[in-house]
Amino acid sequence: MKVRIQKSKALQRGFTLVEMIGVLAIVAILGSLLMPRVFNAINRAKINSSAMVLNTMKAAVTEAYSEKGQFTLADGSAVTVANLPLDYDADVLLPKQYINQQFSCRIGVDDSSKEHQILMAQPAAGSVDGVSVAWDLDGDQTGADSDGDGTPDQYNDIATHQFAVYAYIPNVSIKDAIDLSNVVDGSDLSIADETASDAIGRVIYAAPTGGTTDVMVYLVSR
């Protein structure tokens, strides 16, 4: 006995061109709504991951300092001005096993002349250029000299005689720099202008060139 399976007319005729266009239109609309959210979620994860790495580096530097109550080199001798600037992760934290690999995070790009680093230097009042770095951690008014010492308030938070340890992140897109500043410093100490420098808070950077800038993130000082 033969069994005959009756196919529906819809299956027999397939989809019409109009129906297919309608389905594709719906898919395109859903894609246009969802894709920006997907990309935003990916970017948030990248920024949050970088902030977590920075906190890990801060903890490692703090532990290294607490061992002798001062900043030391890998051989245990005290850091002096003659040692600065010091590649602190490669020359101290890694050899002493406070970290198991050199600092790196998901923003910024290493190239032949710049790389992710944890640096120690003596901050000096000047432009935010990766060399003359100083931190106004609480957003004092730029240009004001409230204590009359001849140094603008924005450079008084980390004094020039102190050793400061900071993360150096090269070639960061300005959007990532702003997003990192908002996560680490909050909106009050962040700059929304994508053409301007940010000289306040823990995250500082110069005005971007070609859409990118080098970011410095304050970790600890003494």
N, C-alpha and C. Protein backbone atom coordinates (compact mmCIF):
# COMPACT_ATOMS: atom_id res chain seq x y z
N MET A 1 0.84 -1.20 0.00
CA MET A 1 0.00 0.00 0.00
C MET A 1 0.87 1.24 0.00
N LYS A 2 0.64 2.11 -0.92
CA LYS A 2 1.42 3.34 -1.02
C LYS A 2 0.81 4.42 -0.13
N VAL A 3 1.75 5.11 0.57
CA VAL A 3 1.31 6.21 1.41
C VAL A 3 1.68 7.51 0.70
N ARG A 4 0.71 8.33 0.49
CA ARG A 4 0.95 9.59 -0.19
C ARG A 4 0.95 10.73 0.83
N ILE A 5 1.99 11.52 0.77
CA ILE A 5 2.09 12.67 1.67
C ILE A 5 1.67 13.91 0.91
N GLN A 6 0.65 14.54 1.44
CA GLN A 6 0.11 15.72 0.78
C GLN A 6 0.90 16.96 1.24
N LYS A 7 1.61 17.58 0.35
CA LYS A 7 2.34 18.80 0.67
C LYS A 7 1.39 19.99 0.62
N SER A 8 1.64 20.90 1.53
CA SER A 8 0.80 22.11 1.54
C SER A 8 1.08 22.92 0.28
N LYS A 9 0.13 23.72 -0.07
CA LYS A 9 0.29 24.57 -1.24
C LYS A 9 1.41 25.58 -1.04
N ALA A 10 1.58 26.01 0.25
CA ALA A 10 2.63 27.00 0.54
C ALA A 10 4.00 26.43 0.26
N LEU A 11 4.19 25.14 0.65
CA LEU A 11 5.49 24.51 0.41
C LEU A 11 5.70 24.26 -1.07
N GLN A 12 4.61 23.92 -1.74
CA GLN A 12 4.73 23.62 -3.16
C GLN A 12 5.13 24.87 -3.96
N ARG A 13 4.57 25.99 -3.61
CA ARG A 13 4.85 27.19 -4.40
C ARG A 13 6.07 27.96 -3.93
N GLY A 14 6.58 27.69 -2.67
CA GLY A 14 7.73 28.41 -2.15
C GLY A 14 7.37 29.84 -1.77
N PHE A 15 8.44 30.65 -1.56
CA PHE A 15 8.22 32.05 -1.18
C PHE A 15 8.16 32.91 -2.43
N THR A 16 7.31 33.90 -2.34
CA THR A 16 7.26 34.86 -3.43
C THR A 16 8.38 35.88 -3.24
N LEU A 17 8.66 36.62 -4.28
CA LEU A 17 9.70 37.65 -4.22
C LEU A 17 9.34 38.72 -3.18
N VAL A 18 8.09 39.06 -3.11
CA VAL A 18 7.64 40.09 -2.16
C VAL A 18 7.86 39.60 -0.73
N GLU A 19 7.55 38.34 -0.46
CA GLU A 19 7.75 37.77 0.88
C GLU A 19 9.23 37.76 1.25
N MET A 20 10.09 37.39 0.31
CA MET A 20 11.52 37.37 0.58
C MET A 20 12.06 38.76 0.86
N ILE A 21 11.60 39.73 0.09
CA ILE A 21 12.02 41.11 0.31
C ILE A 21 11.57 41.59 1.69
N GLY A 22 10.37 41.18 2.08
CA GLY A 22 9.85 41.56 3.40
C GLY A 22 10.69 40.98 4.52
N VAL A 23 11.08 39.71 4.39
CA VAL A 23 11.91 39.07 5.40
C VAL A 23 13.28 39.75 5.49
N LEU A 24 13.89 40.01 4.33
CA LEU A 24 15.19 40.68 4.31
C LEU A 24 15.11 42.07 4.92
N ALA A 25 14.00 42.76 4.67
CA ALA A 25 13.83 44.10 5.25
C ALA A 25 13.76 44.04 6.77
N ILE A 26 13.05 43.04 7.29
CA ILE A 26 12.94 42.88 8.74
C ILE A 26 14.30 42.56 9.35
N VAL A 27 15.06 41.67 8.68
CA VAL A 27 16.39 41.32 9.16
C VAL A 27 17.30 42.55 9.16
N ALA A 28 17.21 43.35 8.11
CA ALA A 28 18.05 44.55 8.02
C ALA A 28 17.70 45.55 9.13
N ILE A 29 16.41 45.70 9.42
CA ILE A 29 15.99 46.62 10.48
C ILE A 29 16.49 46.14 11.83
N LEU A 30 16.33 44.85 12.09
CA LEU A 30 16.81 44.29 13.37
C LEU A 30 18.31 44.44 13.49
N GLY A 31 19.03 44.22 12.38
CA GLY A 31 20.48 44.36 12.39
C GLY A 31 20.90 45.78 12.69
N SER A 32 20.22 46.74 12.09
CA SER A 32 20.57 48.15 12.32
C SER A 32 20.32 48.57 13.75
N LEU A 33 19.35 47.92 14.41
CA LEU A 33 19.07 48.23 15.81
C LEU A 33 20.03 47.54 16.77
N LEU A 34 20.41 46.32 16.44
CA LEU A 34 21.21 45.51 17.37
C LEU A 34 22.71 45.73 17.23
N MET A 35 23.21 45.96 16.01
CA MET A 35 24.66 46.02 15.81
C MET A 35 25.33 47.13 16.61
N PRO A 36 24.76 48.35 16.67
CA PRO A 36 25.40 49.38 17.51
C PRO A 36 25.52 48.95 18.97
N ARG A 37 24.51 48.25 19.47
CA ARG A 37 24.56 47.78 20.86
C ARG A 37 25.64 46.71 21.03
N VAL A 38 25.78 45.86 20.03
CA VAL A 38 26.81 44.82 20.10
C VAL A 38 28.19 45.46 20.13
N PHE A 39 28.43 46.42 19.23
CA PHE A 39 29.73 47.09 19.18
C PHE A 39 30.00 47.87 20.46
N ASN A 40 28.97 48.51 21.00
CA ASN A 40 29.14 49.25 22.26
C ASN A 40 29.49 48.31 23.40
N ALA A 41 28.86 47.13 23.41
CA ALA A 41 29.15 46.15 24.47
C ALA A 41 30.59 45.65 24.35
N ILE A 42 31.04 45.43 23.11
CA ILE A 42 32.42 44.98 22.90
C ILE A 42 33.40 46.05 23.36
N ASN A 43 33.11 47.31 23.04
CA ASN A 43 34.00 48.40 23.43
C ASN A 43 34.02 48.58 24.94
N ARG A 44 32.85 48.47 25.59
CA ARG A 44 32.80 48.58 27.05
C ARG A 44 33.63 47.49 27.70
N ALA A 45 33.56 46.28 27.15
CA ALA A 45 34.34 45.17 27.70
C ALA A 45 35.83 45.45 27.56
N LYS A 46 36.23 46.04 26.43
CA LYS A 46 37.64 46.37 26.20
C LYS A 46 38.13 47.41 27.20
N ILE A 47 37.34 48.43 27.42
CA ILE A 47 37.71 49.50 28.36
C ILE A 47 37.73 48.97 29.79
N ASN A 48 36.71 48.22 30.18
CA ASN A 48 36.65 47.68 31.54
C ASN A 48 37.80 46.71 31.80
N SER A 49 38.16 45.91 30.79
CA SER A 49 39.29 45.00 30.93
C SER A 49 40.58 45.77 31.14
N SER A 50 40.76 46.86 30.40
CA SER A 50 41.96 47.68 30.55
C SER A 50 42.03 48.31 31.94
N ALA A 51 40.88 48.77 32.44
CA ALA A 51 40.84 49.35 33.79
C ALA A 51 41.20 48.31 34.84
N MET A 52 40.76 47.07 34.64
CA MET A 52 41.10 46.00 35.59
C MET A 52 42.59 45.70 35.58
N VAL A 53 43.20 45.70 34.39
CA VAL A 53 44.64 45.47 34.28
C VAL A 53 45.40 46.59 35.01
N LEU A 54 44.94 47.82 34.85
CA LEU A 54 45.58 48.95 35.53
C LEU A 54 45.50 48.80 37.05
N ASN A 55 44.37 48.32 37.55
CA ASN A 55 44.24 48.09 38.99
C ASN A 55 45.18 46.98 39.46
N THR A 56 45.37 45.97 38.62
CA THR A 56 46.31 44.89 38.94
C THR A 56 47.73 45.42 39.02
N MET A 57 48.09 46.30 38.07
CA MET A 57 49.43 46.89 38.09
C MET A 57 49.61 47.78 39.32
N LYS A 58 48.58 48.51 39.69
CA LYS A 58 48.66 49.36 40.89
C LYS A 58 48.89 48.51 42.13
N ALA A 59 48.19 47.39 42.22
CA ALA A 59 48.36 46.50 43.37
C ALA A 59 49.78 45.94 43.42
N ALA A 60 50.34 45.60 42.26
CA ALA A 60 51.70 45.05 42.19
C ALA A 60 52.72 46.09 42.63
N VAL A 61 52.56 47.34 42.17
CA VAL A 61 53.49 48.41 42.55
C VAL A 61 53.40 48.67 44.05
N THR A 62 52.18 48.69 44.57
CA THR A 62 51.99 48.92 46.01
C THR A 62 52.64 47.82 46.83
N GLU A 63 52.50 46.57 46.38
CA GLU A 63 53.13 45.44 47.09
C GLU A 63 54.65 45.56 47.05
N ALA A 64 55.19 45.94 45.89
CA ALA A 64 56.65 46.09 45.77
C ALA A 64 57.15 47.18 46.71
N TYR A 65 56.40 48.27 46.80
CA TYR A 65 56.81 49.37 47.69
C TYR A 65 56.76 48.95 49.16
N SER A 66 55.71 48.21 49.52
CA SER A 66 55.51 47.86 50.93
C SER A 66 56.56 46.89 51.46
N GLU A 67 57.25 46.20 50.57
CA GLU A 67 58.25 45.23 51.01
C GLU A 67 59.35 45.89 51.84
N LYS A 68 59.81 47.07 51.40
CA LYS A 68 60.87 47.77 52.15
C LYS A 68 60.48 49.18 52.56
N GLY A 69 59.25 49.56 52.26
CA GLY A 69 58.80 50.90 52.62
C GLY A 69 59.39 51.97 51.74
N GLN A 70 59.89 51.59 50.59
CA GLN A 70 60.42 52.54 49.62
C GLN A 70 60.49 51.86 48.25
N PHE A 71 60.63 52.66 47.22
CA PHE A 71 60.79 52.10 45.89
C PHE A 71 62.22 51.57 45.76
N THR A 72 62.36 50.35 45.27
CA THR A 72 63.68 49.75 45.11
C THR A 72 63.83 49.17 43.71
N LEU A 73 65.08 48.95 43.33
CA LEU A 73 65.38 48.26 42.09
C LEU A 73 65.26 46.75 42.30
N ALA A 74 65.48 45.99 41.25
CA ALA A 74 65.35 44.53 41.36
C ALA A 74 66.38 43.94 42.32
N ASP A 75 67.54 44.59 42.49
CA ASP A 75 68.56 44.09 43.42
C ASP A 75 68.33 44.55 44.85
N GLY A 76 67.23 45.27 45.10
CA GLY A 76 66.91 45.70 46.45
C GLY A 76 67.43 47.07 46.83
N SER A 77 68.27 47.67 46.00
CA SER A 77 68.80 49.00 46.29
C SER A 77 67.75 50.06 46.01
N ALA A 78 67.84 51.18 46.72
CA ALA A 78 66.83 52.23 46.60
C ALA A 78 66.89 52.90 45.23
N VAL A 79 65.73 53.24 44.73
CA VAL A 79 65.66 54.02 43.49
C VAL A 79 66.11 55.44 43.77
N THR A 80 66.94 55.98 42.89
CA THR A 80 67.38 57.37 42.99
C THR A 80 67.01 58.11 41.71
N VAL A 81 67.17 59.41 41.74
CA VAL A 81 66.86 60.22 40.57
C VAL A 81 67.69 59.76 39.37
N ALA A 82 68.89 59.29 39.63
CA ALA A 82 69.77 58.85 38.54
C ALA A 82 69.19 57.64 37.80
N ASN A 83 68.29 56.89 38.45
CA ASN A 83 67.69 55.72 37.83
C ASN A 83 66.51 56.07 36.92
N LEU A 84 66.06 57.31 36.98
CA LEU A 84 64.84 57.70 36.28
C LEU A 84 65.12 58.26 34.89
N PRO A 85 64.20 58.10 33.95
CA PRO A 85 62.96 57.31 34.06
C PRO A 85 63.25 55.82 34.06
N LEU A 86 62.43 55.08 34.77
CA LEU A 86 62.67 53.65 34.98
C LEU A 86 61.53 52.84 34.39
N ASP A 87 61.88 51.84 33.61
CA ASP A 87 60.88 50.91 33.05
C ASP A 87 60.51 49.94 34.17
N TYR A 88 59.54 50.33 34.98
CA TYR A 88 59.32 49.67 36.27
C TYR A 88 58.77 48.26 36.14
N ASP A 89 57.95 47.99 35.15
CA ASP A 89 57.43 46.63 35.03
C ASP A 89 58.50 45.66 34.53
N ALA A 90 59.27 46.07 33.52
CA ALA A 90 60.29 45.18 32.95
C ALA A 90 61.50 45.03 33.86
N ASP A 91 61.88 46.13 34.55
CA ASP A 91 63.12 46.12 35.32
C ASP A 91 62.95 45.80 36.80
N VAL A 92 61.72 45.89 37.30
CA VAL A 92 61.51 45.64 38.74
C VAL A 92 60.40 44.62 38.99
N LEU A 93 59.19 44.90 38.54
CA LEU A 93 58.06 44.05 38.87
C LEU A 93 58.19 42.64 38.31
N LEU A 94 58.65 42.54 37.07
CA LEU A 94 58.78 41.22 36.45
C LEU A 94 59.93 40.41 37.04
N PRO A 95 61.15 40.96 37.17
CA PRO A 95 62.23 40.19 37.78
C PRO A 95 61.94 39.75 39.22
N LYS A 96 61.21 40.57 39.96
CA LYS A 96 60.89 40.24 41.35
C LYS A 96 59.59 39.46 41.49
N GLN A 97 59.00 39.11 40.34
CA GLN A 97 57.82 38.24 40.27
C GLN A 97 56.57 38.81 40.94
N TYR A 98 56.44 40.13 40.93
CA TYR A 98 55.19 40.72 41.36
C TYR A 98 54.15 40.62 40.25
N ILE A 99 54.60 40.47 39.03
CA ILE A 99 53.75 40.20 37.88
C ILE A 99 54.38 39.08 37.07
N ASN A 100 53.59 38.40 36.24
CA ASN A 100 54.14 37.30 35.45
C ASN A 100 54.34 37.65 33.98
N GLN A 101 53.97 38.87 33.59
CA GLN A 101 54.24 39.34 32.24
C GLN A 101 54.21 40.86 32.24
N GLN A 102 54.90 41.45 31.26
CA GLN A 102 54.94 42.90 31.19
C GLN A 102 53.56 43.48 30.93
N PHE A 103 53.40 44.70 31.35
CA PHE A 103 52.12 45.38 31.23
C PHE A 103 51.66 45.47 29.78
N SER A 104 50.41 45.16 29.58
CA SER A 104 49.76 45.34 28.29
C SER A 104 48.26 45.40 28.55
N CYS A 105 47.54 46.12 27.72
CA CYS A 105 46.09 46.15 27.85
C CYS A 105 45.47 46.21 26.46
N ARG A 106 44.15 46.20 26.42
CA ARG A 106 43.44 46.03 25.15
C ARG A 106 43.24 47.32 24.38
N ILE A 107 43.72 48.44 24.91
CA ILE A 107 43.68 49.69 24.14
C ILE A 107 45.10 50.13 23.84
N GLY A 108 45.26 50.94 22.80
CA GLY A 108 46.60 51.37 22.41
C GLY A 108 47.30 50.32 21.57
N VAL A 109 48.28 50.78 20.81
CA VAL A 109 49.00 49.90 19.90
C VAL A 109 50.50 50.13 20.04
N ASP A 110 51.26 49.05 20.29
CA ASP A 110 52.72 49.14 20.31
C ASP A 110 53.23 49.34 18.89
N ASP A 111 54.31 50.09 18.75
CA ASP A 111 54.99 50.17 17.46
C ASP A 111 56.49 50.11 17.70
N SER A 112 57.27 50.44 16.67
CA SER A 112 58.72 50.29 16.77
C SER A 112 59.35 51.23 17.78
N SER A 113 58.67 52.33 18.11
CA SER A 113 59.27 53.31 19.01
C SER A 113 58.53 53.45 20.34
N LYS A 114 57.34 52.88 20.44
CA LYS A 114 56.54 53.01 21.66
C LYS A 114 55.94 51.66 22.03
N GLU A 115 55.84 51.42 23.34
CA GLU A 115 55.22 50.19 23.79
C GLU A 115 54.52 50.43 25.12
N HIS A 116 53.59 49.55 25.45
CA HIS A 116 52.94 49.61 26.75
C HIS A 116 54.01 49.45 27.83
N GLN A 117 53.99 50.33 28.83
CA GLN A 117 54.98 50.27 29.89
C GLN A 117 54.39 50.77 31.21
N ILE A 118 54.99 50.30 32.31
CA ILE A 118 54.79 50.92 33.60
C ILE A 118 56.07 51.68 33.89
N LEU A 119 55.98 53.00 33.98
CA LEU A 119 57.16 53.86 34.11
C LEU A 119 57.20 54.52 35.49
N MET A 120 58.42 54.80 35.95
CA MET A 120 58.61 55.63 37.13
C MET A 120 59.39 56.86 36.70
N ALA A 121 58.92 58.03 37.12
CA ALA A 121 59.57 59.28 36.75
C ALA A 121 59.33 60.31 37.83
N GLN A 122 60.01 61.44 37.71
CA GLN A 122 59.74 62.59 38.56
C GLN A 122 58.84 63.53 37.78
N PRO A 123 57.60 63.70 38.20
CA PRO A 123 56.71 64.60 37.47
C PRO A 123 57.23 66.03 37.47
N ALA A 124 57.03 66.71 36.38
CA ALA A 124 57.45 68.10 36.25
C ALA A 124 56.34 68.89 35.58
N ALA A 125 56.09 70.09 36.07
CA ALA A 125 55.05 70.92 35.46
C ALA A 125 55.38 71.17 34.00
N GLY A 126 54.42 70.95 33.16
CA GLY A 126 54.66 71.14 31.74
C GLY A 126 53.55 70.51 30.93
N SER A 127 53.75 70.40 29.65
CA SER A 127 52.72 69.85 28.79
C SER A 127 52.56 68.35 29.04
N VAL A 128 51.39 67.84 28.74
CA VAL A 128 51.13 66.42 28.90
C VAL A 128 51.63 65.71 27.65
N ASP A 129 52.90 65.34 27.67
CA ASP A 129 53.51 64.78 26.46
C ASP A 129 54.20 63.44 26.70
N GLY A 130 54.00 62.84 27.86
CA GLY A 130 54.65 61.56 28.13
C GLY A 130 56.00 61.71 28.79
N VAL A 131 56.58 62.90 28.74
CA VAL A 131 57.87 63.17 29.38
C VAL A 131 57.66 64.11 30.56
N SER A 132 57.09 65.27 30.29
CA SER A 132 56.75 66.22 31.35
C SER A 132 55.35 65.89 31.85
N VAL A 133 55.27 64.94 32.75
CA VAL A 133 53.96 64.49 33.22
C VAL A 133 53.76 64.89 34.67
N ALA A 134 52.59 65.40 34.98
CA ALA A 134 52.20 65.72 36.34
C ALA A 134 50.70 65.50 36.45
N TRP A 135 50.22 65.29 37.67
CA TRP A 135 48.81 64.94 37.83
C TRP A 135 48.07 65.90 38.74
N ASP A 136 47.01 66.46 38.20
CA ASP A 136 46.04 67.21 38.98
C ASP A 136 44.92 66.22 39.27
N LEU A 137 44.97 65.59 40.43
CA LEU A 137 44.06 64.48 40.69
C LEU A 137 42.66 64.91 41.09
N ASP A 138 42.48 66.16 41.45
CA ASP A 138 41.14 66.58 41.90
C ASP A 138 40.54 67.70 41.08
N GLY A 139 41.17 68.06 39.97
CA GLY A 139 40.58 69.04 39.08
C GLY A 139 40.69 70.48 39.54
N ASP A 140 41.82 70.85 40.18
CA ASP A 140 42.02 72.24 40.55
C ASP A 140 41.94 73.13 39.31
N GLN A 141 41.56 74.35 39.52
CA GLN A 141 41.38 75.27 38.39
C GLN A 141 42.69 75.47 37.64
N THR A 142 42.65 75.25 36.35
CA THR A 142 43.84 75.42 35.52
C THR A 142 44.31 76.87 35.54
N GLY A 143 45.62 77.05 35.77
CA GLY A 143 46.19 78.39 35.75
C GLY A 143 46.18 79.09 37.09
N ALA A 144 45.38 78.60 38.06
CA ALA A 144 45.33 79.25 39.37
C ALA A 144 46.55 78.85 40.20
N ASP A 145 46.96 79.73 41.11
CA ASP A 145 48.09 79.46 42.01
C ASP A 145 47.63 79.83 43.42
N SER A 146 46.78 78.97 43.98
CA SER A 146 46.11 79.31 45.23
C SER A 146 47.06 79.39 46.42
N ASP A 147 48.20 78.66 46.38
CA ASP A 147 49.11 78.69 47.51
C ASP A 147 50.30 79.63 47.29
N GLY A 148 50.36 80.29 46.13
CA GLY A 148 51.37 81.30 45.88
C GLY A 148 52.79 80.77 45.75
N ASP A 149 52.92 79.49 45.37
CA ASP A 149 54.27 78.93 45.26
C ASP A 149 54.87 79.08 43.87
N GLY A 150 54.14 79.76 42.98
CA GLY A 150 54.64 79.96 41.62
C GLY A 150 54.33 78.80 40.69
N THR A 151 53.69 77.77 41.21
CA THR A 151 53.33 76.61 40.39
C THR A 151 51.82 76.53 40.28
N PRO A 152 51.28 76.45 39.07
CA PRO A 152 49.83 76.35 38.92
C PRO A 152 49.25 75.18 39.70
N ASP A 153 48.05 75.36 40.20
CA ASP A 153 47.42 74.33 41.02
C ASP A 153 47.34 72.98 40.32
N GLN A 154 47.17 73.00 38.99
CA GLN A 154 46.96 71.72 38.33
C GLN A 154 48.17 70.80 38.39
N TYR A 155 49.33 71.33 38.82
CA TYR A 155 50.51 70.49 38.93
C TYR A 155 50.91 70.24 40.39
N ASN A 156 50.08 70.67 41.34
CA ASN A 156 50.45 70.56 42.74
C ASN A 156 50.09 69.22 43.37
N ASP A 157 49.19 68.46 42.76
CA ASP A 157 48.75 67.23 43.38
C ASP A 157 49.88 66.21 43.50
N ILE A 158 50.67 66.06 42.46
CA ILE A 158 51.85 65.20 42.50
C ILE A 158 53.05 66.11 42.32
N ALA A 159 53.72 66.44 43.44
CA ALA A 159 54.78 67.44 43.42
C ALA A 159 55.99 66.96 42.64
N THR A 160 56.79 67.92 42.18
CA THR A 160 57.91 67.59 41.31
C THR A 160 58.99 66.78 42.00
N HIS A 161 59.05 66.79 43.34
CA HIS A 161 60.10 66.04 44.03
C HIS A 161 59.71 64.60 44.26
N GLN A 162 58.49 64.22 43.97
CA GLN A 162 58.02 62.87 44.23
C GLN A 162 58.35 61.94 43.07
N PHE A 163 58.46 60.65 43.39
CA PHE A 163 58.52 59.61 42.36
C PHE A 163 57.09 59.19 42.07
N ALA A 164 56.76 59.14 40.80
CA ALA A 164 55.42 58.70 40.40
C ALA A 164 55.54 57.49 39.49
N VAL A 165 54.67 56.53 39.70
CA VAL A 165 54.61 55.34 38.83
C VAL A 165 53.31 55.43 38.04
N TYR A 166 53.43 55.28 36.74
CA TYR A 166 52.25 55.42 35.89
C TYR A 166 52.31 54.46 34.72
N ALA A 167 51.14 54.15 34.20
CA ALA A 167 51.03 53.33 33.00
C ALA A 167 51.12 54.22 31.78
N TYR A 168 51.91 53.79 30.82
CA TYR A 168 52.05 54.51 29.55
C TYR A 168 51.43 53.65 28.47
N ILE A 169 50.39 54.19 27.81
CA ILE A 169 49.66 53.43 26.79
C ILE A 169 49.72 54.22 25.48
N PRO A 170 50.51 53.76 24.51
CA PRO A 170 50.70 54.55 23.28
C PRO A 170 49.62 54.31 22.23
N ASN A 171 49.46 55.32 21.38
CA ASN A 171 48.63 55.19 20.18
C ASN A 171 47.21 54.74 20.49
N VAL A 172 46.57 55.45 21.40
CA VAL A 172 45.20 55.13 21.80
C VAL A 172 44.23 56.00 20.99
N SER A 173 43.18 55.41 20.47
CA SER A 173 42.17 56.21 19.79
C SER A 173 41.57 57.18 20.79
N ILE A 174 41.23 58.37 20.35
CA ILE A 174 40.74 59.39 21.26
C ILE A 174 39.44 58.93 21.92
N LYS A 175 38.63 58.17 21.23
CA LYS A 175 37.38 57.68 21.83
C LYS A 175 37.71 56.73 22.99
N ASP A 176 38.69 55.84 22.80
CA ASP A 176 39.07 54.93 23.87
C ASP A 176 39.68 55.70 25.04
N ALA A 177 40.45 56.75 24.74
CA ALA A 177 41.04 57.56 25.81
C ALA A 177 39.96 58.22 26.65
N ILE A 178 38.95 58.76 26.00
CA ILE A 178 37.84 59.40 26.71
C ILE A 178 37.06 58.38 27.52
N ASP A 179 36.79 57.22 26.92
CA ASP A 179 36.04 56.18 27.62
C ASP A 179 36.80 55.68 28.84
N LEU A 180 38.12 55.49 28.71
CA LEU A 180 38.92 55.04 29.85
C LEU A 180 38.90 56.09 30.96
N SER A 181 39.01 57.36 30.58
CA SER A 181 38.97 58.43 31.57
C SER A 181 37.64 58.43 32.31
N ASN A 182 36.56 58.22 31.60
CA ASN A 182 35.25 58.19 32.25
C ASN A 182 35.12 57.03 33.22
N VAL A 183 35.71 55.88 32.88
CA VAL A 183 35.65 54.71 33.77
C VAL A 183 36.53 54.92 34.99
N VAL A 184 37.75 55.42 34.78
CA VAL A 184 38.72 55.56 35.87
C VAL A 184 38.46 56.81 36.71
N ASP A 185 38.17 57.93 36.06
CA ASP A 185 38.07 59.22 36.75
C ASP A 185 36.63 59.69 36.98
N GLY A 186 35.71 59.20 36.17
CA GLY A 186 34.35 59.73 36.22
C GLY A 186 34.21 60.94 35.30
N SER A 187 32.98 61.31 35.02
CA SER A 187 32.73 62.37 34.04
C SER A 187 33.23 63.73 34.50
N ASP A 188 33.26 63.99 35.81
CA ASP A 188 33.69 65.31 36.29
C ASP A 188 35.16 65.58 36.01
N LEU A 189 35.98 64.54 35.91
CA LEU A 189 37.41 64.71 35.65
C LEU A 189 37.78 64.21 34.26
N SER A 190 36.83 64.18 33.37
CA SER A 190 37.07 63.72 32.00
C SER A 190 36.69 64.81 31.01
N ILE A 191 37.31 64.77 29.85
CA ILE A 191 37.07 65.75 28.79
C ILE A 191 36.30 65.07 27.66
N ALA A 192 35.16 65.63 27.30
CA ALA A 192 34.35 65.03 26.24
C ALA A 192 34.80 65.43 24.84
N ASP A 193 35.51 66.54 24.73
CA ASP A 193 35.95 67.07 23.44
C ASP A 193 37.01 66.15 22.83
N GLU A 194 36.73 65.62 21.65
CA GLU A 194 37.64 64.68 20.98
C GLU A 194 38.81 65.36 20.30
N THR A 195 38.92 66.68 20.42
CA THR A 195 40.06 67.40 19.84
C THR A 195 40.96 67.99 20.93
N ALA A 196 40.58 67.83 22.20
CA ALA A 196 41.29 68.50 23.29
C ALA A 196 42.14 67.53 24.10
N SER A 197 43.05 68.10 24.91
CA SER A 197 43.84 67.31 25.84
C SER A 197 43.07 67.14 27.14
N ASP A 198 43.49 66.18 27.95
CA ASP A 198 42.91 65.95 29.28
C ASP A 198 44.05 65.99 30.28
N ALA A 199 44.09 67.03 31.12
CA ALA A 199 45.19 67.19 32.07
C ALA A 199 44.73 67.06 33.51
N ILE A 200 43.54 66.49 33.73
CA ILE A 200 43.04 66.33 35.09
C ILE A 200 42.66 64.88 35.36
N GLY A 201 42.72 64.50 36.63
CA GLY A 201 42.40 63.13 37.00
C GLY A 201 43.60 62.19 36.85
N ARG A 202 43.37 60.93 37.05
CA ARG A 202 44.44 59.93 36.92
C ARG A 202 44.80 59.67 35.47
N VAL A 203 43.83 59.81 34.57
CA VAL A 203 44.06 59.56 33.14
C VAL A 203 44.32 60.89 32.45
N ILE A 204 45.51 61.04 31.87
CA ILE A 204 45.84 62.28 31.16
C ILE A 204 46.40 61.96 29.78
N TYR A 205 46.22 62.90 28.88
CA TYR A 205 46.75 62.72 27.53
C TYR A 205 46.77 64.06 26.82
N ALA A 206 47.62 64.15 25.80
CA ALA A 206 47.69 65.36 24.97
C ALA A 206 46.59 65.33 23.93
N ALA A 207 46.37 66.48 23.31
CA ALA A 207 45.39 66.55 22.22
C ALA A 207 45.78 65.55 21.14
N PRO A 208 44.82 64.85 20.57
CA PRO A 208 45.14 63.79 19.60
C PRO A 208 45.72 64.33 18.30
N THR A 209 46.53 63.51 17.68
CA THR A 209 47.04 63.77 16.34
C THR A 209 46.61 62.61 15.46
N GLY A 210 45.88 62.92 14.41
CA GLY A 210 45.39 61.85 13.55
C GLY A 210 44.44 60.91 14.26
N GLY A 211 43.75 61.41 15.27
CA GLY A 211 42.75 60.60 15.96
C GLY A 211 43.27 59.74 17.08
N THR A 212 44.59 59.79 17.35
CA THR A 212 45.16 58.98 18.43
C THR A 212 46.02 59.85 19.35
N THR A 213 46.26 59.35 20.55
CA THR A 213 47.08 60.05 21.52
C THR A 213 47.73 59.03 22.45
N ASP A 214 48.79 59.43 23.15
CA ASP A 214 49.42 58.58 24.15
C ASP A 214 48.80 58.89 25.51
N VAL A 215 48.38 57.86 26.20
CA VAL A 215 47.68 58.02 27.48
C VAL A 215 48.59 57.64 28.63
N MET A 216 48.59 58.46 29.69
CA MET A 216 49.30 58.16 30.92
C MET A 216 48.28 58.00 32.05
N VAL A 217 48.42 56.93 32.83
CA VAL A 217 47.48 56.67 33.93
C VAL A 217 48.25 56.58 35.23
N TYR A 218 48.01 57.52 36.13
CA TYR A 218 48.69 57.55 37.42
C TYR A 218 48.32 56.32 38.25
N LEU A 219 49.33 55.68 38.83
CA LEU A 219 49.11 54.53 39.71
C LEU A 219 49.41 54.87 41.16
N VAL A 220 50.67 55.17 41.48
CA VAL A 220 51.04 55.55 42.85
C VAL A 220 52.21 56.50 42.79
N SER A 221 52.47 57.17 43.91
CA SER A 221 53.65 58.03 44.01
C SER A 221 54.10 58.09 45.45
N ARG A 222 55.33 58.57 45.61
CA ARG A 222 55.89 58.71 46.97
C ARG A 222 56.93 59.81 46.96
